């Protein structure tokens, strides 16, 4: 979604606000998985699976694995280097937003990539046996196979929005909520003090459903929404964003769900299955032309 918009919106007018609830320390390095994924994608160097860096090597991981260290959480060498740059900067008192901007600039990402907060927020997932897991343990190590029955965003009560974030929301011509997992990737942004209220007041808020035929293409979005007690399919996505949306865009395969439109939120069907950059650009153009007055 960020790449689609970056093709049609001037860099100085595009801000991509990114979840930090997934951040964690791995092998002593501060890993900001969502920030890096967005930055690498906007810089055009993302790996073939949508994460990491294309053609990266794994010499460090292989060397550690040879000594018996569990390296199931894989970081390529260039990816790890960026994590170490971030770790050192944070240790020296640089704010997360500032080191993110530095890395994004050095890699050639032109839009503003902004962490939702400079403060520590950590998403924890309670699974059906009552165990609480860190996000990366739940999602990567255990492959999100467990049923999530509760979520906790540790530290969020004291977290402040990144400097300038609320102003950018209030001044935006269009606020787009990307087709991410609402409880795992979007709620940790919305729950930061003032963010949800700013979006609700923004006046032109569009979300893209992550579902196709009621199911996520990858990841557990559909399962997490229902396991947390919300409705299945598009109705559950609407419930996830209750009170926030002017428009929810669903894929053509879910066109019948446009009947879920209400006085609060219009449900619109479009081609949202983006398989290449050309389709992404076309979708970005359609979105801006259709949704921006």
C-alpha atoms as a PDB file:
ATOM      1  CA  UNK A   1       0.000   0.000   0.000  1.00  0.00           C
ATOM      2  CA  UNK A   2       2.824   2.388   0.861  1.00  0.00           C
ATOM      3  CA  UNK A   3       4.589   1.622  -2.412  1.00  0.00           C
ATOM      4  CA  UNK A   4       1.351   2.094  -4.359  1.00  0.00           C
ATOM      5  CA  UNK A   5       0.841   5.531  -2.840  1.00  0.00           C
ATOM      6  CA  UNK A   6       4.499   6.497  -3.247  1.00  0.00           C
ATOM      7  CA  UNK A   7       4.041   6.195  -7.000  1.00  0.00           C
ATOM      8  CA  UNK A   8       1.314   8.833  -7.136  1.00  0.00           C
ATOM      9  CA  UNK A   9       1.847  11.077  -4.103  1.00  0.00           C
ATOM     10  CA  UNK A  10       4.745  13.521  -3.841  1.00  0.00           C
ATOM     11  CA  UNK A  11       7.280  12.311  -1.255  1.00  0.00           C
ATOM     12  CA  UNK A  12       6.847  15.367   0.949  1.00  0.00           C
ATOM     13  CA  UNK A  13       3.100  14.683   1.139  1.00  0.00           C
ATOM     14  CA  UNK A  14       3.285  10.993   2.056  1.00  0.00           C
ATOM     15  CA  UNK A  15       3.825   9.829   5.630  1.00  0.00           C
ATOM     16  CA  UNK A  16       3.780   6.121   6.419  1.00  0.00           C
ATOM     17  CA  UNK A  17       3.065   5.519  10.107  1.00  0.00           C
ATOM     18  CA  UNK A  18       4.346   2.149  11.253  1.00  0.00           C
ATOM     19  CA  UNK A  19       3.587  -0.170  14.166  1.00  0.00           C
ATOM     20  CA  UNK A  20       6.360  -0.628  16.748  1.00  0.00           C
ATOM     21  CA  UNK A  21       4.603  -3.266  18.853  1.00  0.00           C
ATOM     22  CA  UNK A  22       6.521  -6.000  17.013  1.00  0.00           C
ATOM     23  CA  UNK A  23       9.918  -4.513  17.905  1.00  0.00           C
ATOM     24  CA  UNK A  24      12.212  -6.699  19.965  1.00  0.00           C
ATOM     25  CA  UNK A  25      15.835  -7.475  20.690  1.00  0.00           C
ATOM     26  CA  UNK A  26      17.250 -10.384  18.723  1.00  0.00           C
ATOM     27  CA  UNK A  27      20.864 -11.516  19.104  1.00  0.00           C
ATOM     28  CA  UNK A  28      21.492  -8.276  21.012  1.00  0.00           C
ATOM     29  CA  UNK A  29      20.239  -6.087  18.159  1.00  0.00           C
ATOM     30  CA  UNK A  30      17.114  -3.913  18.169  1.00  0.00           C
ATOM     31  CA  UNK A  31      14.897  -5.364  15.452  1.00  0.00           C
ATOM     32  CA  UNK A  32      12.049  -3.189  14.162  1.00  0.00           C
ATOM     33  CA  UNK A  33      10.487  -5.638  11.733  1.00  0.00           C
ATOM     34  CA  UNK A  34       7.617  -3.499  10.479  1.00  0.00           C
ATOM     35  CA  UNK A  35       9.700  -0.341  10.123  1.00  0.00           C
ATOM     36  CA  UNK A  36      12.336  -2.230   8.158  1.00  0.00           C
ATOM     37  CA  UNK A  37       9.806  -3.986   5.924  1.00  0.00           C
ATOM     38  CA  UNK A  38       8.199  -0.668   4.980  1.00  0.00           C
ATOM     39  CA  UNK A  39      11.554   1.064   4.507  1.00  0.00           C
ATOM     40  CA  UNK A  40      13.007  -1.710   2.355  1.00  0.00           C
ATOM     41  CA  UNK A  41       9.851  -1.812   0.233  1.00  0.00           C
ATOM     42  CA  UNK A  42       9.827   1.949  -0.362  1.00  0.00           C
ATOM     43  CA  UNK A  43      13.527   1.768  -1.207  1.00  0.00           C
ATOM     44  CA  UNK A  44      12.846  -1.032  -3.723  1.00  0.00           C
ATOM     45  CA  UNK A  45      15.170  -3.551  -2.063  1.00  0.00           C
ATOM     46  CA  UNK A  46      12.688  -5.796  -0.249  1.00  0.00           C
ATOM     47  CA  UNK A  47      13.230  -9.544  -0.276  1.00  0.00           C
ATOM     48  CA  UNK A  48      11.169 -11.952  -2.402  1.00  0.00           C
ATOM     49  CA  UNK A  49       8.952 -12.940   0.540  1.00  0.00           C
ATOM     50  CA  UNK A  50       8.111  -9.321   1.370  1.00  0.00           C
ATOM     51  CA  UNK A  51      10.561  -9.059   4.258  1.00  0.00           C
ATOM     52  CA  UNK A  52      14.307  -8.661   4.537  1.00  0.00           C
ATOM     53  CA  UNK A  53      16.558  -7.422   1.738  1.00  0.00           C
ATOM     54  CA  UNK A  54      16.779  -8.908  -1.748  1.00  0.00           C
ATOM     55  CA  UNK A  55      19.867 -11.040  -2.395  1.00  0.00           C
ATOM     56  CA  UNK A  56      21.016 -10.683   1.200  1.00  0.00           C
ATOM     57  CA  UNK A  57      23.505 -13.192   2.571  1.00  0.00           C
ATOM     58  CA  UNK A  58      23.280 -15.026   5.878  1.00  0.00           C
ATOM     59  CA  UNK A  59      26.883 -15.543   6.875  1.00  0.00           C
ATOM     60  CA  UNK A  60      26.338 -14.296  10.432  1.00  0.00           C
ATOM     61  CA  UNK A  61      23.304 -16.519  10.987  1.00  0.00           C
ATOM     62  CA  UNK A  62      25.103 -19.533   9.542  1.00  0.00           C
ATOM     63  CA  UNK A  63      28.158 -18.935  11.726  1.00  0.00           C
ATOM     64  CA  UNK A  64      26.008 -18.634  14.855  1.00  0.00           C
ATOM     65  CA  UNK A  65      23.962 -21.703  13.945  1.00  0.00           C
ATOM     66  CA  UNK A  66      27.191 -23.689  13.582  1.00  0.00           C
ATOM     67  CA  UNK A  67      27.879 -23.047  17.272  1.00  0.00           C
ATOM     68  CA  UNK A  68      24.436 -24.331  18.309  1.00  0.00           C
ATOM     69  CA  UNK A  69      22.643 -20.981  18.638  1.00  0.00           C
ATOM     70  CA  UNK A  70      18.962 -21.064  17.660  1.00  0.00           C
ATOM     71  CA  UNK A  71      18.729 -18.855  14.559  1.00  0.00           C
ATOM     72  CA  UNK A  72      15.151 -19.666  13.589  1.00  0.00           C
ATOM     73  CA  UNK A  73      14.564 -15.886  13.524  1.00  0.00           C
ATOM     74  CA  UNK A  74      16.653 -15.181  10.422  1.00  0.00           C
ATOM     75  CA  UNK A  75      18.282 -11.829   9.757  1.00  0.00           C
ATOM     76  CA  UNK A  76      20.318 -11.323   6.606  1.00  0.00           C
ATOM     77  CA  UNK A  77      23.715  -9.671   6.917  1.00  0.00           C
ATOM     78  CA  UNK A  78      22.645  -6.305   5.488  1.00  0.00           C
ATOM     79  CA  UNK A  79      19.420  -6.441   7.465  1.00  0.00           C
ATOM     80  CA  UNK A  80      21.362  -7.161  10.649  1.00  0.00           C
ATOM     81  CA  UNK A  81      23.712  -4.264   9.883  1.00  0.00           C
ATOM     82  CA  UNK A  82      20.763  -1.844   9.831  1.00  0.00           C
ATOM     83  CA  UNK A  83      19.515  -3.307  13.109  1.00  0.00           C
ATOM     84  CA  UNK A  84      22.955  -2.764  14.661  1.00  0.00           C
ATOM     85  CA  UNK A  85      23.050   0.822  13.376  1.00  0.00           C
ATOM     86  CA  UNK A  86      19.679   1.380  15.039  1.00  0.00           C
ATOM     87  CA  UNK A  87      20.791  -0.313  18.254  1.00  0.00           C
ATOM     88  CA  UNK A  88      23.910   1.855  18.559  1.00  0.00           C
ATOM     89  CA  UNK A  89      21.976   5.031  17.797  1.00  0.00           C
ATOM     90  CA  UNK A  90      19.337   4.266  20.421  1.00  0.00           C
ATOM     91  CA  UNK A  91      22.064   3.449  22.937  1.00  0.00           C
ATOM     92  CA  UNK A  92      23.528   6.890  22.279  1.00  0.00           C
ATOM     93  CA  UNK A  93      20.213   8.633  22.931  1.00  0.00           C
ATOM     94  CA  UNK A  94      18.956   9.073  19.364  1.00  0.00           C
ATOM     95  CA  UNK A  95      15.173   8.775  19.112  1.00  0.00           C
ATOM     96  CA  UNK A  96      13.672   5.911  17.089  1.00  0.00           C
ATOM     97  CA  UNK A  97      11.998   8.320  14.641  1.00  0.00           C
ATOM     98  CA  UNK A  98      15.315  10.034  13.932  1.00  0.00           C
ATOM     99  CA  UNK A  99      17.323   6.869  13.312  1.00  0.00           C
ATOM    100  CA  UNK A 100      14.462   5.544  11.173  1.00  0.00           C
ATOM    101  CA  UNK A 101      14.611   8.683   9.032  1.00  0.00           C
ATOM    102  CA  UNK A 102      18.390   8.295   8.760  1.00  0.00           C
ATOM    103  CA  UNK A 103      18.201   4.666   7.605  1.00  0.00           C
ATOM    104  CA  UNK A 104      15.350   5.418   5.196  1.00  0.00           C
ATOM    105  CA  UNK A 105      17.274   8.310   3.644  1.00  0.00           C
ATOM    106  CA  UNK A 106      20.466   6.289   3.259  1.00  0.00           C
ATOM    107  CA  UNK A 107      18.555   3.466   1.564  1.00  0.00           C
ATOM    108  CA  UNK A 108      16.712   5.822  -0.805  1.00  0.00           C
ATOM    109  CA  UNK A 109      13.168   5.665   0.602  1.00  0.00           C
ATOM    110  CA  UNK A 110      11.780   9.118  -0.212  1.00  0.00           C
ATOM    111  CA  UNK A 111       8.493   9.171   1.729  1.00  0.00           C
ATOM    112  CA  UNK A 112       8.526   9.843   5.463  1.00  0.00           C
ATOM    113  CA  UNK A 113       8.625   6.568   7.384  1.00  0.00           C
ATOM    114  CA  UNK A 114       7.522   7.317  10.938  1.00  0.00           C
ATOM    115  CA  UNK A 115       7.312   4.950  13.895  1.00  0.00           C
ATOM    116  CA  UNK A 116       3.987   5.379  15.662  1.00  0.00           C
ATOM    117  CA  UNK A 117       5.886   6.167  18.864  1.00  0.00           C
ATOM    118  CA  UNK A 118       9.443   6.613  20.081  1.00  0.00           C
ATOM    119  CA  UNK A 119       8.425   4.843  23.274  1.00  0.00           C
ATOM    120  CA  UNK A 120       8.583   1.150  24.046  1.00  0.00           C
ATOM    121  CA  UNK A 121       5.411  -0.751  23.120  1.00  0.00           C
ATOM    122  CA  UNK A 122       5.428  -4.531  23.016  1.00  0.00           C
ATOM    123  CA  UNK A 123       2.555  -6.623  21.698  1.00  0.00           C
ATOM    124  CA  UNK A 124       1.960  -9.805  23.678  1.00  0.00           C
ATOM    125  CA  UNK A 125      -0.390 -12.571  22.598  1.00  0.00           C
ATOM    126  CA  UNK A 126      -2.247 -14.906  24.948  1.00  0.00           C
ATOM    127  CA  UNK A 127      -2.907 -18.259  23.312  1.00  0.00           C
ATOM    128  CA  UNK A 128      -5.648 -20.753  24.083  1.00  0.00           C
ATOM    129  CA  UNK A 129      -3.696 -22.623  26.764  1.00  0.00           C
ATOM    130  CA  UNK A 130      -3.356 -19.379  28.748  1.00  0.00           C
ATOM    131  CA  UNK A 131       0.303 -18.766  27.899  1.00  0.00           C
ATOM    132  CA  UNK A 132       1.412 -15.230  27.087  1.00  0.00           C
ATOM    133  CA  UNK A 133       3.902 -14.989  24.190  1.00  0.00           C
ATOM    134  CA  UNK A 134       5.964 -12.143  22.815  1.00  0.00           C
ATOM    135  CA  UNK A 135       4.810 -11.169  19.359  1.00  0.00           C
ATOM    136  CA  UNK A 136       7.854 -12.554  17.582  1.00  0.00           C
ATOM    137  CA  UNK A 137       7.584 -15.837  19.481  1.00  0.00           C
ATOM    138  CA  UNK A 138       3.912 -16.143  18.508  1.00  0.00           C
ATOM    139  CA  UNK A 139       4.292 -14.984  14.916  1.00  0.00           C
ATOM    140  CA  UNK A 140       7.718 -16.153  13.758  1.00  0.00           C
ATOM    141  CA  UNK A 141       8.993 -18.862  16.084  1.00  0.00           C
ATOM    142  CA  UNK A 142       5.622 -20.632  16.432  1.00  0.00           C
ATOM    143  CA  UNK A 143       4.364 -19.628  12.977  1.00  0.00           C
ATOM    144  CA  UNK A 144       1.122 -18.012  14.304  1.00  0.00           C
ATOM    145  CA  UNK A 145      -0.431 -21.473  14.521  1.00  0.00           C
ATOM    146  CA  UNK A 146      -1.798 -20.901  18.036  1.00  0.00           C
ATOM    147  CA  UNK A 147      -5.221 -19.412  18.624  1.00  0.00           C
ATOM    148  CA  UNK A 148      -4.946 -15.871  19.985  1.00  0.00           C
ATOM    149  CA  UNK A 149      -7.509 -15.267  22.734  1.00  0.00           C
ATOM    150  CA  UNK A 150      -6.251 -11.958  24.145  1.00  0.00           C
ATOM    151  CA  UNK A 151      -3.764  -9.202  23.335  1.00  0.00           C
ATOM    152  CA  UNK A 152      -1.766  -6.840  25.490  1.00  0.00           C
ATOM    153  CA  UNK A 153       0.202  -3.843  24.286  1.00  0.00           C
ATOM    154  CA  UNK A 154       2.681  -3.483  27.111  1.00  0.00           C
ATOM    155  CA  UNK A 155       3.779   0.103  27.692  1.00  0.00           C
ATOM    156  CA  UNK A 156       1.112   1.687  25.533  1.00  0.00           C
ATOM    157  CA  UNK A 157      -0.576   3.529  28.408  1.00  0.00           C
ATOM    158  CA  UNK A 158       2.546   5.645  28.835  1.00  0.00           C
ATOM    159  CA  UNK A 159       3.526   5.884  25.161  1.00  0.00           C
ATOM    160  CA  UNK A 160       3.326   9.194  23.340  1.00  0.00           C
ATOM    161  CA  UNK A 161       2.756   9.520  19.595  1.00  0.00           C
ATOM    162  CA  UNK A 162       5.872  10.272  17.584  1.00  0.00           C
ATOM    163  CA  UNK A 163       6.557  14.020  17.311  1.00  0.00           C
ATOM    164  CA  UNK A 164       4.429  15.536  14.573  1.00  0.00           C
ATOM    165  CA  UNK A 165       2.233  12.476  14.090  1.00  0.00           C
ATOM    166  CA  UNK A 166      -1.037  13.970  15.322  1.00  0.00           C
ATOM    167  CA  UNK A 167      -0.483  17.117  13.266  1.00  0.00           C
ATOM    168  CA  UNK A 168       0.141  15.086  10.124  1.00  0.00           C
ATOM    169  CA  UNK A 169      -3.083  13.143  10.700  1.00  0.00           C
ATOM    170  CA  UNK A 170      -5.119  16.324  11.212  1.00  0.00           C
ATOM    171  CA  UNK A 171      -3.638  17.946   8.084  1.00  0.00           C
ATOM    172  CA  UNK A 172      -3.943  14.917   5.803  1.00  0.00           C
ATOM    173  CA  UNK A 173      -6.121  14.974   2.700  1.00  0.00           C
ATOM    174  CA  UNK A 174      -6.574  11.228   3.119  1.00  0.00           C
ATOM    175  CA  UNK A 175      -5.823   8.791   5.932  1.00  0.00           C
ATOM    176  CA  UNK A 176      -5.334   5.255   4.620  1.00  0.00           C
ATOM    177  CA  UNK A 177      -5.294   2.232   6.918  1.00  0.00           C
ATOM    178  CA  UNK A 178      -3.315  -0.405   5.045  1.00  0.00           C
ATOM    179  CA  UNK A 179      -4.549  -3.998   4.546  1.00  0.00           C
ATOM    180  CA  UNK A 180      -2.822  -5.233   7.674  1.00  0.00           C
ATOM    181  CA  UNK A 181      -3.990  -7.428  10.529  1.00  0.00           C
ATOM    182  CA  UNK A 182      -6.176  -5.013  12.537  1.00  0.00           C
ATOM    183  CA  UNK A 183      -5.574  -6.350  16.088  1.00  0.00           C
ATOM    184  CA  UNK A 184      -1.892  -7.205  15.627  1.00  0.00           C
ATOM    185  CA  UNK A 185      -0.613  -4.398  13.402  1.00  0.00           C
ATOM    186  CA  UNK A 186      -3.092  -1.503  13.509  1.00  0.00           C
ATOM    187  CA  UNK A 187      -4.511  -1.494  17.035  1.00  0.00           C
ATOM    188  CA  UNK A 188      -1.030  -0.967  18.560  1.00  0.00           C
ATOM    189  CA  UNK A 189      -0.978   2.310  16.624  1.00  0.00           C
ATOM    190  CA  UNK A 190      -4.553   3.335  17.364  1.00  0.00           C
ATOM    191  CA  UNK A 191      -4.231   2.723  21.103  1.00  0.00           C
ATOM    192  CA  UNK A 192      -1.436   5.275  21.522  1.00  0.00           C
ATOM    193  CA  UNK A 193      -2.730   8.354  23.328  1.00  0.00           C
ATOM    194  CA  UNK A 194      -4.519  10.701  20.931  1.00  0.00           C
ATOM    195  CA  UNK A 195      -4.065   8.693  17.728  1.00  0.00           C
ATOM    196  CA  UNK A 196      -7.496   7.095  17.467  1.00  0.00           C
ATOM    197  CA  UNK A 197      -9.158  10.398  18.337  1.00  0.00           C
ATOM    198  CA  UNK A 198      -7.118  12.221  15.693  1.00  0.00           C
ATOM    199  CA  UNK A 199      -8.067   9.694  13.021  1.00  0.00           C
ATOM    200  CA  UNK A 200     -11.740   9.775  14.011  1.00  0.00           C
ATOM    201  CA  UNK A 201     -11.675  13.553  13.580  1.00  0.00           C
ATOM    202  CA  UNK A 202      -9.728  13.493  10.306  1.00  0.00           C
ATOM    203  CA  UNK A 203     -12.821  13.338   8.127  1.00  0.00           C
ATOM    204  CA  UNK A 204     -11.522  11.241   5.220  1.00  0.00           C
ATOM    205  CA  UNK A 205     -10.428   7.834   6.499  1.00  0.00           C
ATOM    206  CA  UNK A 206     -10.200   4.783   4.246  1.00  0.00           C
ATOM    207  CA  UNK A 207      -9.195   1.242   5.198  1.00  0.00           C
ATOM    208  CA  UNK A 208      -8.289  -1.571   2.833  1.00  0.00           C
ATOM    209  CA  UNK A 209      -9.557  -4.979   3.927  1.00  0.00           C
ATOM    210  CA  UNK A 210      -6.844  -7.641   4.242  1.00  0.00           C
ATOM    211  CA  UNK A 211      -9.362 -10.363   3.349  1.00  0.00           C
ATOM    212  CA  UNK A 212     -10.206 -12.135   0.091  1.00  0.00           C
ATOM    213  CA  UNK A 213     -13.286 -14.306   0.231  1.00  0.00           C
ATOM    214  CA  UNK A 214     -13.231 -13.776   3.963  1.00  0.00           C
ATOM    215  CA  UNK A 215      -9.675 -15.131   4.347  1.00  0.00           C
ATOM    216  CA  UNK A 216      -6.250 -13.531   4.570  1.00  0.00           C
ATOM    217  CA  UNK A 217      -3.841 -14.294   1.723  1.00  0.00           C
ATOM    218  CA  UNK A 218      -1.103 -14.745   4.302  1.00  0.00           C
ATOM    219  CA  UNK A 219      -0.953 -14.361   8.050  1.00  0.00           C
ATOM    220  CA  UNK A 220      -3.695 -14.953  10.607  1.00  0.00           C
ATOM    221  CA  UNK A 221      -5.818 -11.797  10.223  1.00  0.00           C
ATOM    222  CA  UNK A 222      -9.103 -13.626   9.672  1.00  0.00           C
ATOM    223  CA  UNK A 223      -8.437 -16.080  12.517  1.00  0.00           C
ATOM    224  CA  UNK A 224      -7.303 -13.437  15.002  1.00  0.00           C
ATOM    225  CA  UNK A 225     -10.334 -11.224  14.393  1.00  0.00           C
ATOM    226  CA  UNK A 226     -12.744 -14.074  15.109  1.00  0.00           C
ATOM    227  CA  UNK A 227     -10.746 -15.615  17.975  1.00  0.00           C
ATOM    228  CA  UNK A 228     -10.936 -12.233  19.734  1.00  0.00           C
ATOM    229  CA  UNK A 229     -14.716 -12.357  19.537  1.00  0.00           C
ATOM    230  CA  UNK A 230     -15.502 -10.304  16.455  1.00  0.00           C
ATOM    231  CA  UNK A 231     -17.536 -11.342  13.434  1.00  0.00           C
ATOM    232  CA  UNK A 232     -16.032 -13.269  10.537  1.00  0.00           C
ATOM    233  CA  UNK A 233     -15.162 -11.691   7.205  1.00  0.00           C
ATOM    234  CA  UNK A 234     -15.802  -8.092   6.245  1.00  0.00           C
ATOM    235  CA  UNK A 235     -18.170  -7.576   9.163  1.00  0.00           C
ATOM    236  CA  UNK A 236     -15.305  -8.305  11.524  1.00  0.00           C
ATOM    237  CA  UNK A 237     -13.019  -5.813   9.792  1.00  0.00           C
ATOM    238  CA  UNK A 238     -15.734  -3.164  10.128  1.00  0.00           C
ATOM    239  CA  UNK A 239     -16.077  -4.083  13.797  1.00  0.00           C
ATOM    240  CA  UNK A 240     -12.315  -3.785  14.242  1.00  0.00           C
ATOM    241  CA  UNK A 241     -12.453  -0.166  13.092  1.00  0.00           C
ATOM    242  CA  UNK A 242     -15.797   0.844  14.569  1.00  0.00           C
ATOM    243  CA  UNK A 243     -16.262   4.596  14.653  1.00  0.00           C
ATOM    244  CA  UNK A 244     -13.206   5.377  12.500  1.00  0.00           C
ATOM    245  CA  UNK A 245     -13.925   4.729   8.833  1.00  0.00           C
ATOM    246  CA  UNK A 246     -15.621   6.716   6.131  1.00  0.00           C
ATOM    247  CA  UNK A 247     -14.868   3.977   3.589  1.00  0.00           C
ATOM    248  CA  UNK A 248     -13.814   0.328   3.684  1.00  0.00           C
ATOM    249  CA  UNK A 249     -12.473  -1.059   0.417  1.00  0.00           C
ATOM    250  CA  UNK A 250     -12.916  -4.798  -0.139  1.00  0.00           C
ATOM    251  CA  UNK A 251     -11.782  -6.976  -3.012  1.00  0.00           C
ATOM    252  CA  UNK A 252     -14.108  -7.722  -5.934  1.00  0.00           C
ATOM    253  CA  UNK A 253     -14.486 -11.286  -4.668  1.00  0.00           C
ATOM    254  CA  UNK A 254     -16.207  -9.800  -1.616  1.00  0.00           C
ATOM    255  CA  UNK A 255     -18.386  -7.400  -3.625  1.00  0.00           C
ATOM    256  CA  UNK A 256     -21.545  -8.741  -1.993  1.00  0.00           C
ATOM    257  CA  UNK A 257     -20.246  -7.291   1.279  1.00  0.00           C
ATOM    258  CA  UNK A 258     -20.917  -3.781  -0.023  1.00  0.00           C
ATOM    259  CA  UNK A 259     -24.394  -4.418   1.423  1.00  0.00           C
ATOM    260  CA  UNK A 260     -22.756  -3.924   4.832  1.00  0.00           C
ATOM    261  CA  UNK A 261     -22.508  -0.193   4.065  1.00  0.00           C
ATOM    262  CA  UNK A 262     -24.024   2.012   6.725  1.00  0.00           C
ATOM    263  CA  UNK A 263     -24.569   5.688   7.403  1.00  0.00           C
ATOM    264  CA  UNK A 264     -21.171   5.616   9.102  1.00  0.00           C
ATOM    265  CA  UNK A 265     -19.089   3.620   6.616  1.00  0.00           C
ATOM    266  CA  UNK A 266     -19.430   2.955   2.908  1.00  0.00           C
ATOM    267  CA  UNK A 267     -18.133  -0.428   1.727  1.00  0.00           C
ATOM    268  CA  UNK A 268     -16.678  -0.261  -1.790  1.00  0.00           C
ATOM    269  CA  UNK A 269     -15.420  -3.136  -3.971  1.00  0.00           C
ATOM    270  CA  UNK A 270     -12.253  -2.792  -6.054  1.00  0.00           C
ATOM    271  CA  UNK A 271      -9.391  -4.923  -7.359  1.00  0.00           C
ATOM    272  CA  UNK A 272      -7.149  -5.120  -4.291  1.00  0.00           C
ATOM    273  CA  UNK A 273      -5.164  -8.265  -5.159  1.00  0.00           C
ATOM    274  CA  UNK A 274      -1.917  -6.536  -6.134  1.00  0.00           C
ATOM    275  CA  UNK A 275       0.670  -8.877  -7.649  1.00  0.00           C
ATOM    276  CA  UNK A 276       3.153  -6.422  -9.156  1.00  0.00           C
ATOM    277  CA  UNK A 277       4.263  -2.792  -9.079  1.00  0.00           C
ATOM    278  CA  UNK A 278       2.211  -1.827 -12.136  1.00  0.00           C
ATOM    279  CA  UNK A 279      -1.009  -3.012 -10.515  1.00  0.00           C
ATOM    280  CA  UNK A 280       0.034  -1.248  -7.334  1.00  0.00           C
ATOM    281  CA  UNK A 281       0.487   2.026  -9.184  1.00  0.00           C
ATOM    282  CA  UNK A 282      -2.910   1.623 -10.850  1.00  0.00           C
ATOM    283  CA  UNK A 283      -4.553   0.963  -7.505  1.00  0.00           C
ATOM    284  CA  UNK A 284      -2.775   3.935  -5.926  1.00  0.00           C
ATOM    285  CA  UNK A 285      -3.954   6.220  -8.720  1.00  0.00           C
ATOM    286  CA  UNK A 286      -7.518   4.937  -8.414  1.00  0.00           C
ATOM    287  CA  UNK A 287      -7.485   5.349  -4.638  1.00  0.00           C
ATOM    288  CA  UNK A 288      -6.234   8.925  -4.704  1.00  0.00           C
ATOM    289  CA  UNK A 289      -8.461   9.963  -7.629  1.00  0.00           C
ATOM    290  CA  UNK A 290     -11.529   8.379  -6.015  1.00  0.00           C
ATOM    291  CA  UNK A 291     -11.049   9.244  -2.368  1.00  0.00           C
ATOM    292  CA  UNK A 292      -9.375  12.660  -2.360  1.00  0.00           C
ATOM    293  CA  UNK A 293     -11.836  15.496  -3.046  1.00  0.00           C
END
